[in-house]
């Protein structure tokens, strides 16, 4: 039986992560390291973090339901199964990855997610000026991103948006609902896979899940009081700190 001693810090981490996801993204930069710090192995921490954050993405998808659309003329009927399949494959890859190997790769995944978050909207704009792709490569990249989403998923929404700008000139804001739905699809398959495989630490995960929901609600209300730039700087500083800490942890 797992001790309940670390539950309080996990609840607080969930509150912060839920608030961050509601206003700027990057909640996994809080939930994942918090779970590692209280003693979970990295793979279990990643699986539990994915489960804890999943209800928030589902709630966001429901809120966006009227805005769901395809991307660059490719319908959700095509994009959804691709994202589901990718999420499942990514989750399976995580489960078969040796713990020591994942320990070595996780700082690099955090670095990738941090750089993506720093690039933000500018990343998509830069890519659209320098890269042109057709529909088939687009679908392949979407599949690979979904695998990443099931495997780790940090900044996956931003990565999807950056790629979508290569084929779709629509405003990024208009893509928000579709992004949330496809991230939810990849994460949903990962959650199912992790649950069936017994990779989730449920006491920690359920405590964090409840607080992420509360954090998302109050974070959305609190966000109105702060400039978006302030929130973005906070997430960037936090993600950079977490990334540096995981690189230092290897030595």
C-alpha atoms as a PDB file:
ATOM      1  CA  UNK A   1       0.000   0.000   0.000  1.00  0.00           C
ATOM      2  CA  UNK A   2       1.346   3.417  -0.940  1.00  0.00           C
ATOM      3  CA  UNK A   3       1.709   6.042   1.715  1.00  0.00           C
ATOM      4  CA  UNK A   4      -0.562   9.069   1.593  1.00  0.00           C
ATOM      5  CA  UNK A   5       2.219  11.375   2.801  1.00  0.00           C
ATOM      6  CA  UNK A   6       2.965  12.961  -0.602  1.00  0.00           C
ATOM      7  CA  UNK A   7      -0.678  13.584  -1.499  1.00  0.00           C
ATOM      8  CA  UNK A   8      -0.772  17.228  -0.345  1.00  0.00           C
ATOM      9  CA  UNK A   9       2.117  18.433  -2.558  1.00  0.00           C
ATOM     10  CA  UNK A  10       0.568  16.536  -5.463  1.00  0.00           C
ATOM     11  CA  UNK A  11      -2.760  18.281  -4.905  1.00  0.00           C
ATOM     12  CA  UNK A  12      -0.983  21.639  -4.930  1.00  0.00           C
ATOM     13  CA  UNK A  13       0.931  20.662  -8.078  1.00  0.00           C
ATOM     14  CA  UNK A  14      -2.351  19.656  -9.709  1.00  0.00           C
ATOM     15  CA  UNK A  15      -3.919  23.005  -8.868  1.00  0.00           C
ATOM     16  CA  UNK A  16      -1.010  24.834 -10.471  1.00  0.00           C
ATOM     17  CA  UNK A  17      -0.939  22.548 -13.513  1.00  0.00           C
ATOM     18  CA  UNK A  18      -4.675  22.889 -14.083  1.00  0.00           C
ATOM     19  CA  UNK A  19      -4.412  26.669 -13.884  1.00  0.00           C
ATOM     20  CA  UNK A  20      -1.473  26.717 -16.294  1.00  0.00           C
ATOM     21  CA  UNK A  21      -3.263  24.551 -18.845  1.00  0.00           C
ATOM     22  CA  UNK A  22      -6.300  26.804 -18.623  1.00  0.00           C
ATOM     23  CA  UNK A  23      -4.385  29.980 -19.386  1.00  0.00           C
ATOM     24  CA  UNK A  24      -1.104  29.167 -21.158  1.00  0.00           C
ATOM     25  CA  UNK A  25      -0.410  25.429 -21.336  1.00  0.00           C
ATOM     26  CA  UNK A  26       2.571  23.566 -19.907  1.00  0.00           C
ATOM     27  CA  UNK A  27       0.812  21.797 -17.027  1.00  0.00           C
ATOM     28  CA  UNK A  28       2.856  18.633 -17.523  1.00  0.00           C
ATOM     29  CA  UNK A  29       5.952  20.621 -16.532  1.00  0.00           C
ATOM     30  CA  UNK A  30       4.432  20.622 -13.029  1.00  0.00           C
ATOM     31  CA  UNK A  31       2.685  17.258 -12.727  1.00  0.00           C
ATOM     32  CA  UNK A  32       5.468  15.074 -14.118  1.00  0.00           C
ATOM     33  CA  UNK A  33       8.354  16.401 -11.984  1.00  0.00           C
ATOM     34  CA  UNK A  34       6.110  16.552  -8.910  1.00  0.00           C
ATOM     35  CA  UNK A  35       5.371  12.839  -9.261  1.00  0.00           C
ATOM     36  CA  UNK A  36       9.055  12.046  -9.759  1.00  0.00           C
ATOM     37  CA  UNK A  37       9.992  14.126  -6.702  1.00  0.00           C
ATOM     38  CA  UNK A  38       7.632  12.160  -4.450  1.00  0.00           C
ATOM     39  CA  UNK A  39       9.273   8.924  -5.523  1.00  0.00           C
ATOM     40  CA  UNK A  40       7.515   7.562  -8.610  1.00  0.00           C
ATOM     41  CA  UNK A  41       9.743   6.031 -11.302  1.00  0.00           C
ATOM     42  CA  UNK A  42       9.774   8.251 -14.417  1.00  0.00           C
ATOM     43  CA  UNK A  43       7.636   5.911 -16.556  1.00  0.00           C
ATOM     44  CA  UNK A  44       4.989   5.569 -13.830  1.00  0.00           C
ATOM     45  CA  UNK A  45       5.160   9.325 -13.254  1.00  0.00           C
ATOM     46  CA  UNK A  46       4.619  10.037 -16.942  1.00  0.00           C
ATOM     47  CA  UNK A  47       1.678   7.611 -17.169  1.00  0.00           C
ATOM     48  CA  UNK A  48       0.105   8.998 -13.988  1.00  0.00           C
ATOM     49  CA  UNK A  49       0.607  12.588 -15.136  1.00  0.00           C
ATOM     50  CA  UNK A  50      -1.117  11.826 -18.449  1.00  0.00           C
ATOM     51  CA  UNK A  51      -4.092  10.320 -16.623  1.00  0.00           C
ATOM     52  CA  UNK A  52      -4.297  13.224 -14.161  1.00  0.00           C
ATOM     53  CA  UNK A  53      -4.373  15.857 -16.906  1.00  0.00           C
ATOM     54  CA  UNK A  54      -6.746  13.986 -19.214  1.00  0.00           C
ATOM     55  CA  UNK A  55     -10.091  15.194 -17.759  1.00  0.00           C
ATOM     56  CA  UNK A  56      -9.021  18.769 -18.365  1.00  0.00           C
ATOM     57  CA  UNK A  57      -8.450  18.143 -22.066  1.00  0.00           C
ATOM     58  CA  UNK A  58     -11.809  16.385 -22.351  1.00  0.00           C
ATOM     59  CA  UNK A  59     -13.529  19.325 -20.667  1.00  0.00           C
ATOM     60  CA  UNK A  60     -11.798  21.714 -23.060  1.00  0.00           C
ATOM     61  CA  UNK A  61     -12.827  19.623 -26.054  1.00  0.00           C
ATOM     62  CA  UNK A  62     -16.447  19.725 -24.918  1.00  0.00           C
ATOM     63  CA  UNK A  63     -16.229  23.491 -24.464  1.00  0.00           C
ATOM     64  CA  UNK A  64     -14.836  23.795 -28.023  1.00  0.00           C
ATOM     65  CA  UNK A  65     -17.354  21.364 -29.563  1.00  0.00           C
ATOM     66  CA  UNK A  66     -19.013  24.056 -31.707  1.00  0.00           C
ATOM     67  CA  UNK A  67     -15.634  25.037 -33.212  1.00  0.00           C
ATOM     68  CA  UNK A  68     -14.376  21.621 -34.297  1.00  0.00           C
ATOM     69  CA  UNK A  69     -13.241  21.574 -37.893  1.00  0.00           C
ATOM     70  CA  UNK A  70     -10.808  19.869 -40.212  1.00  0.00           C
ATOM     71  CA  UNK A  71      -7.348  21.129 -41.087  1.00  0.00           C
ATOM     72  CA  UNK A  72      -6.435  22.244 -44.598  1.00  0.00           C
ATOM     73  CA  UNK A  73      -9.470  20.502 -46.034  1.00  0.00           C
ATOM     74  CA  UNK A  74      -8.664  17.232 -44.233  1.00  0.00           C
ATOM     75  CA  UNK A  75     -11.662  16.264 -42.124  1.00  0.00           C
ATOM     76  CA  UNK A  76     -11.699  15.109 -38.522  1.00  0.00           C
ATOM     77  CA  UNK A  77     -12.902  11.736 -39.809  1.00  0.00           C
ATOM     78  CA  UNK A  78      -9.390  11.294 -41.198  1.00  0.00           C
ATOM     79  CA  UNK A  79      -7.366  13.085 -38.529  1.00  0.00           C
ATOM     80  CA  UNK A  80      -9.078  11.472 -35.537  1.00  0.00           C
ATOM     81  CA  UNK A  81      -8.214   7.807 -36.261  1.00  0.00           C
ATOM     82  CA  UNK A  82      -4.658   8.823 -37.141  1.00  0.00           C
ATOM     83  CA  UNK A  83      -4.314  10.555 -33.775  1.00  0.00           C
ATOM     84  CA  UNK A  84      -5.905   7.640 -31.923  1.00  0.00           C
ATOM     85  CA  UNK A  85      -3.546   5.136 -33.554  1.00  0.00           C
ATOM     86  CA  UNK A  86      -0.505   7.317 -32.904  1.00  0.00           C
ATOM     87  CA  UNK A  87      -1.425   7.807 -29.250  1.00  0.00           C
ATOM     88  CA  UNK A  88      -1.810   4.054 -28.773  1.00  0.00           C
ATOM     89  CA  UNK A  89       1.542   3.289 -30.398  1.00  0.00           C
ATOM     90  CA  UNK A  90       3.261   5.992 -28.339  1.00  0.00           C
ATOM     91  CA  UNK A  91       1.834   4.589 -25.104  1.00  0.00           C
ATOM     92  CA  UNK A  92       2.930   1.052 -25.996  1.00  0.00           C
ATOM     93  CA  UNK A  93       6.417   2.329 -26.831  1.00  0.00           C
ATOM     94  CA  UNK A  94       6.597   4.004 -23.418  1.00  0.00           C
ATOM     95  CA  UNK A  95       5.554   0.816 -21.640  1.00  0.00           C
ATOM     96  CA  UNK A  96       8.189  -1.299 -23.408  1.00  0.00           C
ATOM     97  CA  UNK A  97      10.950   1.291 -22.902  1.00  0.00           C
ATOM     98  CA  UNK A  98      13.381   0.178 -20.141  1.00  0.00           C
ATOM     99  CA  UNK A  99      13.246   2.511 -17.145  1.00  0.00           C
ATOM    100  CA  UNK A 100      16.934   3.408 -17.430  1.00  0.00           C
ATOM    101  CA  UNK A 101      16.552   4.302 -21.105  1.00  0.00           C
ATOM    102  CA  UNK A 102      13.555   6.540 -20.400  1.00  0.00           C
ATOM    103  CA  UNK A 103      15.517   8.164 -17.577  1.00  0.00           C
ATOM    104  CA  UNK A 104      18.170   9.115 -20.138  1.00  0.00           C
ATOM    105  CA  UNK A 105      15.775  10.378 -22.808  1.00  0.00           C
ATOM    106  CA  UNK A 106      13.397  12.362 -20.585  1.00  0.00           C
ATOM    107  CA  UNK A 107      15.664  15.464 -20.232  1.00  0.00           C
ATOM    108  CA  UNK A 108      15.851  15.693 -24.036  1.00  0.00           C
ATOM    109  CA  UNK A 109      12.075  15.371 -24.359  1.00  0.00           C
ATOM    110  CA  UNK A 110      11.674  18.134 -21.774  1.00  0.00           C
ATOM    111  CA  UNK A 111      14.158  20.276 -23.694  1.00  0.00           C
ATOM    112  CA  UNK A 112      12.220  19.712 -26.933  1.00  0.00           C
ATOM    113  CA  UNK A 113       8.972  20.679 -25.225  1.00  0.00           C
ATOM    114  CA  UNK A 114      10.558  23.747 -23.627  1.00  0.00           C
ATOM    115  CA  UNK A 115      12.003  24.999 -26.918  1.00  0.00           C
ATOM    116  CA  UNK A 116       8.635  24.457 -28.597  1.00  0.00           C
ATOM    117  CA  UNK A 117       6.905  26.450 -25.896  1.00  0.00           C
ATOM    118  CA  UNK A 118       9.465  29.255 -26.179  1.00  0.00           C
ATOM    119  CA  UNK A 119       8.989  29.330 -29.950  1.00  0.00           C
ATOM    120  CA  UNK A 120       5.222  29.431 -29.571  1.00  0.00           C
ATOM    121  CA  UNK A 121       3.400  31.132 -32.409  1.00  0.00           C
ATOM    122  CA  UNK A 122       6.642  32.316 -33.965  1.00  0.00           C
ATOM    123  CA  UNK A 123       7.608  28.701 -34.623  1.00  0.00           C
ATOM    124  CA  UNK A 124       4.594  28.145 -36.861  1.00  0.00           C
ATOM    125  CA  UNK A 125       5.150  31.428 -38.673  1.00  0.00           C
ATOM    126  CA  UNK A 126       8.820  30.606 -39.319  1.00  0.00           C
ATOM    127  CA  UNK A 127       8.006  27.110 -40.559  1.00  0.00           C
ATOM    128  CA  UNK A 128       5.294  28.368 -42.906  1.00  0.00           C
ATOM    129  CA  UNK A 129       7.809  30.770 -44.525  1.00  0.00           C
ATOM    130  CA  UNK A 130      10.498  28.155 -45.060  1.00  0.00           C
ATOM    131  CA  UNK A 131       8.729  24.821 -45.441  1.00  0.00           C
ATOM    132  CA  UNK A 132       6.019  23.552 -47.776  1.00  0.00           C
ATOM    133  CA  UNK A 133       4.496  20.089 -47.465  1.00  0.00           C
ATOM    134  CA  UNK A 134       1.735  18.140 -49.174  1.00  0.00           C
ATOM    135  CA  UNK A 135      -1.156  16.256 -47.651  1.00  0.00           C
ATOM    136  CA  UNK A 136       0.552  12.885 -47.355  1.00  0.00           C
ATOM    137  CA  UNK A 137       3.613  14.224 -45.468  1.00  0.00           C
ATOM    138  CA  UNK A 138       1.211  16.302 -43.364  1.00  0.00           C
ATOM    139  CA  UNK A 139      -0.719  13.184 -42.306  1.00  0.00           C
ATOM    140  CA  UNK A 140       2.518  11.326 -41.602  1.00  0.00           C
ATOM    141  CA  UNK A 141       3.752  14.154 -39.366  1.00  0.00           C
ATOM    142  CA  UNK A 142       0.401  14.229 -37.583  1.00  0.00           C
ATOM    143  CA  UNK A 143       0.772  10.496 -36.948  1.00  0.00           C
ATOM    144  CA  UNK A 144       4.324  10.933 -35.600  1.00  0.00           C
ATOM    145  CA  UNK A 145       3.237  13.814 -33.372  1.00  0.00           C
ATOM    146  CA  UNK A 146       0.427  11.643 -32.003  1.00  0.00           C
ATOM    147  CA  UNK A 147       2.991   8.939 -31.187  1.00  0.00           C
ATOM    148  CA  UNK A 148       4.968  11.587 -29.314  1.00  0.00           C
ATOM    149  CA  UNK A 149       1.754  12.611 -27.565  1.00  0.00           C
ATOM    150  CA  UNK A 150       1.133   9.065 -26.340  1.00  0.00           C
ATOM    151  CA  UNK A 151       4.781   8.597 -25.366  1.00  0.00           C
ATOM    152  CA  UNK A 152       5.377  11.876 -23.532  1.00  0.00           C
ATOM    153  CA  UNK A 153       3.288  14.731 -24.892  1.00  0.00           C
ATOM    154  CA  UNK A 154       4.939  17.859 -23.513  1.00  0.00           C
ATOM    155  CA  UNK A 155       3.905  20.868 -25.667  1.00  0.00           C
ATOM    156  CA  UNK A 156       2.177  18.497 -28.111  1.00  0.00           C
ATOM    157  CA  UNK A 157      -0.609  21.012 -28.808  1.00  0.00           C
ATOM    158  CA  UNK A 158       1.888  23.687 -29.801  1.00  0.00           C
ATOM    159  CA  UNK A 159       3.741  21.242 -32.041  1.00  0.00           C
ATOM    160  CA  UNK A 160       0.536  20.306 -33.833  1.00  0.00           C
ATOM    161  CA  UNK A 161      -0.386  23.949 -34.387  1.00  0.00           C
ATOM    162  CA  UNK A 162       3.073  24.717 -35.756  1.00  0.00           C
ATOM    163  CA  UNK A 163       2.794  21.893 -38.303  1.00  0.00           C
ATOM    164  CA  UNK A 164      -0.762  22.824 -39.262  1.00  0.00           C
ATOM    165  CA  UNK A 165       0.365  26.293 -40.324  1.00  0.00           C
ATOM    166  CA  UNK A 166       2.345  24.603 -43.103  1.00  0.00           C
ATOM    167  CA  UNK A 167      -0.856  23.607 -44.866  1.00  0.00           C
ATOM    168  CA  UNK A 168      -3.601  25.769 -43.388  1.00  0.00           C
ATOM    169  CA  UNK A 169      -3.630  29.571 -43.408  1.00  0.00           C
ATOM    170  CA  UNK A 170      -6.447  29.818 -40.860  1.00  0.00           C
ATOM    171  CA  UNK A 171      -5.996  31.834 -37.681  1.00  0.00           C
ATOM    172  CA  UNK A 172      -4.378  29.792 -34.910  1.00  0.00           C
ATOM    173  CA  UNK A 173      -7.248  30.684 -32.604  1.00  0.00           C
ATOM    174  CA  UNK A 174      -9.675  29.013 -35.020  1.00  0.00           C
ATOM    175  CA  UNK A 175      -7.665  25.791 -34.758  1.00  0.00           C
ATOM    176  CA  UNK A 176      -7.894  25.660 -30.966  1.00  0.00           C
ATOM    177  CA  UNK A 177     -10.857  23.307 -30.826  1.00  0.00           C
ATOM    178  CA  UNK A 178      -9.411  20.849 -33.324  1.00  0.00           C
ATOM    179  CA  UNK A 179      -6.035  20.882 -31.594  1.00  0.00           C
ATOM    180  CA  UNK A 180      -7.658  20.119 -28.244  1.00  0.00           C
ATOM    181  CA  UNK A 181      -9.762  17.311 -29.730  1.00  0.00           C
ATOM    182  CA  UNK A 182      -6.803  15.583 -31.405  1.00  0.00           C
ATOM    183  CA  UNK A 183      -4.567  15.967 -28.354  1.00  0.00           C
ATOM    184  CA  UNK A 184      -7.415  14.445 -26.309  1.00  0.00           C
ATOM    185  CA  UNK A 185      -7.632  11.562 -28.791  1.00  0.00           C
ATOM    186  CA  UNK A 186      -3.919  10.737 -28.521  1.00  0.00           C
ATOM    187  CA  UNK A 187      -3.955  11.155 -24.739  1.00  0.00           C
ATOM    188  CA  UNK A 188      -7.162   9.150 -24.403  1.00  0.00           C
ATOM    189  CA  UNK A 189      -5.631   6.100 -26.069  1.00  0.00           C
ATOM    190  CA  UNK A 190      -2.554   6.494 -23.876  1.00  0.00           C
ATOM    191  CA  UNK A 191      -4.706   6.709 -20.733  1.00  0.00           C
ATOM    192  CA  UNK A 192      -6.566   3.534 -21.711  1.00  0.00           C
ATOM    193  CA  UNK A 193      -3.328   1.720 -22.469  1.00  0.00           C
ATOM    194  CA  UNK A 194      -1.654   2.817 -19.228  1.00  0.00           C
ATOM    195  CA  UNK A 195      -4.703   1.829 -17.176  1.00  0.00           C
ATOM    196  CA  UNK A 196      -4.944  -1.636 -18.737  1.00  0.00           C
ATOM    197  CA  UNK A 197      -1.194  -2.197 -18.303  1.00  0.00           C
ATOM    198  CA  UNK A 198      -1.311  -1.200 -14.629  1.00  0.00           C
ATOM    199  CA  UNK A 199       1.224   1.592 -15.174  1.00  0.00           C
ATOM    200  CA  UNK A 200      -0.785   4.251 -13.287  1.00  0.00           C
ATOM    201  CA  UNK A 201      -0.349   5.010  -9.590  1.00  0.00           C
ATOM    202  CA  UNK A 202      -4.011   5.670  -8.828  1.00  0.00           C
ATOM    203  CA  UNK A 203      -3.872   7.260  -5.324  1.00  0.00           C
ATOM    204  CA  UNK A 204      -1.483   9.938  -6.563  1.00  0.00           C
ATOM    205  CA  UNK A 205      -3.188  10.199  -9.946  1.00  0.00           C
ATOM    206  CA  UNK A 206      -6.726  10.632  -8.606  1.00  0.00           C
ATOM    207  CA  UNK A 207      -5.644  13.241  -6.061  1.00  0.00           C
ATOM    208  CA  UNK A 208      -3.869  15.201  -8.751  1.00  0.00           C
ATOM    209  CA  UNK A 209      -6.751  14.734 -11.198  1.00  0.00           C
ATOM    210  CA  UNK A 210      -9.266  16.339  -8.846  1.00  0.00           C
ATOM    211  CA  UNK A 211      -7.027  19.311  -8.198  1.00  0.00           C
ATOM    212  CA  UNK A 212      -6.226  19.861 -11.905  1.00  0.00           C
ATOM    213  CA  UNK A 213      -9.957  20.235 -12.556  1.00  0.00           C
ATOM    214  CA  UNK A 214     -10.263  22.789  -9.767  1.00  0.00           C
ATOM    215  CA  UNK A 215      -7.095  24.531 -10.931  1.00  0.00           C
ATOM    216  CA  UNK A 216      -8.435  24.731 -14.462  1.00  0.00           C
ATOM    217  CA  UNK A 217     -11.652  26.372 -13.339  1.00  0.00           C
ATOM    218  CA  UNK A 218     -10.096  28.943 -11.027  1.00  0.00           C
ATOM    219  CA  UNK A 219      -7.098  29.436 -13.303  1.00  0.00           C
ATOM    220  CA  UNK A 220      -9.374  30.492 -16.144  1.00  0.00           C
ATOM    221  CA  UNK A 221     -10.993  33.083 -13.873  1.00  0.00           C
ATOM    222  CA  UNK A 222      -7.655  34.284 -12.476  1.00  0.00           C
ATOM    223  CA  UNK A 223      -6.185  34.586 -15.985  1.00  0.00           C
ATOM    224  CA  UNK A 224      -8.393  37.584 -16.666  1.00  0.00           C
ATOM    225  CA  UNK A 225      -6.428  39.539 -14.047  1.00  0.00           C
ATOM    226  CA  UNK A 226      -2.966  38.913 -15.510  1.00  0.00           C
ATOM    227  CA  UNK A 227      -1.449  39.929 -18.852  1.00  0.00           C
ATOM    228  CA  UNK A 228      -0.894  36.890 -21.129  1.00  0.00           C
ATOM    229  CA  UNK A 229       2.773  37.819 -21.474  1.00  0.00           C
ATOM    230  CA  UNK A 230       3.301  37.435 -17.722  1.00  0.00           C
ATOM    231  CA  UNK A 231       1.746  33.971 -17.740  1.00  0.00           C
ATOM    232  CA  UNK A 232       3.829  32.928 -20.720  1.00  0.00           C
ATOM    233  CA  UNK A 233       7.082  34.083 -19.102  1.00  0.00           C
ATOM    234  CA  UNK A 234       6.177  32.138 -15.957  1.00  0.00           C
ATOM    235  CA  UNK A 235       5.624  28.915 -17.904  1.00  0.00           C
ATOM    236  CA  UNK A 236       8.848  29.364 -19.865  1.00  0.00           C
ATOM    237  CA  UNK A 237      10.887  29.938 -16.697  1.00  0.00           C
ATOM    238  CA  UNK A 238       9.289  26.947 -15.013  1.00  0.00           C
ATOM    239  CA  UNK A 239       9.812  24.627 -17.987  1.00  0.00           C
ATOM    240  CA  UNK A 240      13.427  25.730 -18.369  1.00  0.00           C
ATOM    241  CA  UNK A 241      14.059  25.137 -14.643  1.00  0.00           C
ATOM    242  CA  UNK A 242      12.517  21.661 -14.777  1.00  0.00           C
ATOM    243  CA  UNK A 243      14.534  20.771 -17.881  1.00  0.00           C
ATOM    244  CA  UNK A 244      17.820  21.890 -16.293  1.00  0.00           C
ATOM    245  CA  UNK A 245      16.967  19.970 -13.114  1.00  0.00           C
ATOM    246  CA  UNK A 246      16.409  16.726 -15.050  1.00  0.00           C
ATOM    247  CA  UNK A 247      19.678  17.142 -16.935  1.00  0.00           C
ATOM    248  CA  UNK A 248      21.450  17.731 -13.595  1.00  0.00           C
ATOM    249  CA  UNK A 249      19.713  14.674 -12.124  1.00  0.00           C
ATOM    250  CA  UNK A 250      21.544  12.446 -14.609  1.00  0.00           C
ATOM    251  CA  UNK A 251      24.941  13.331 -13.076  1.00  0.00           C
END
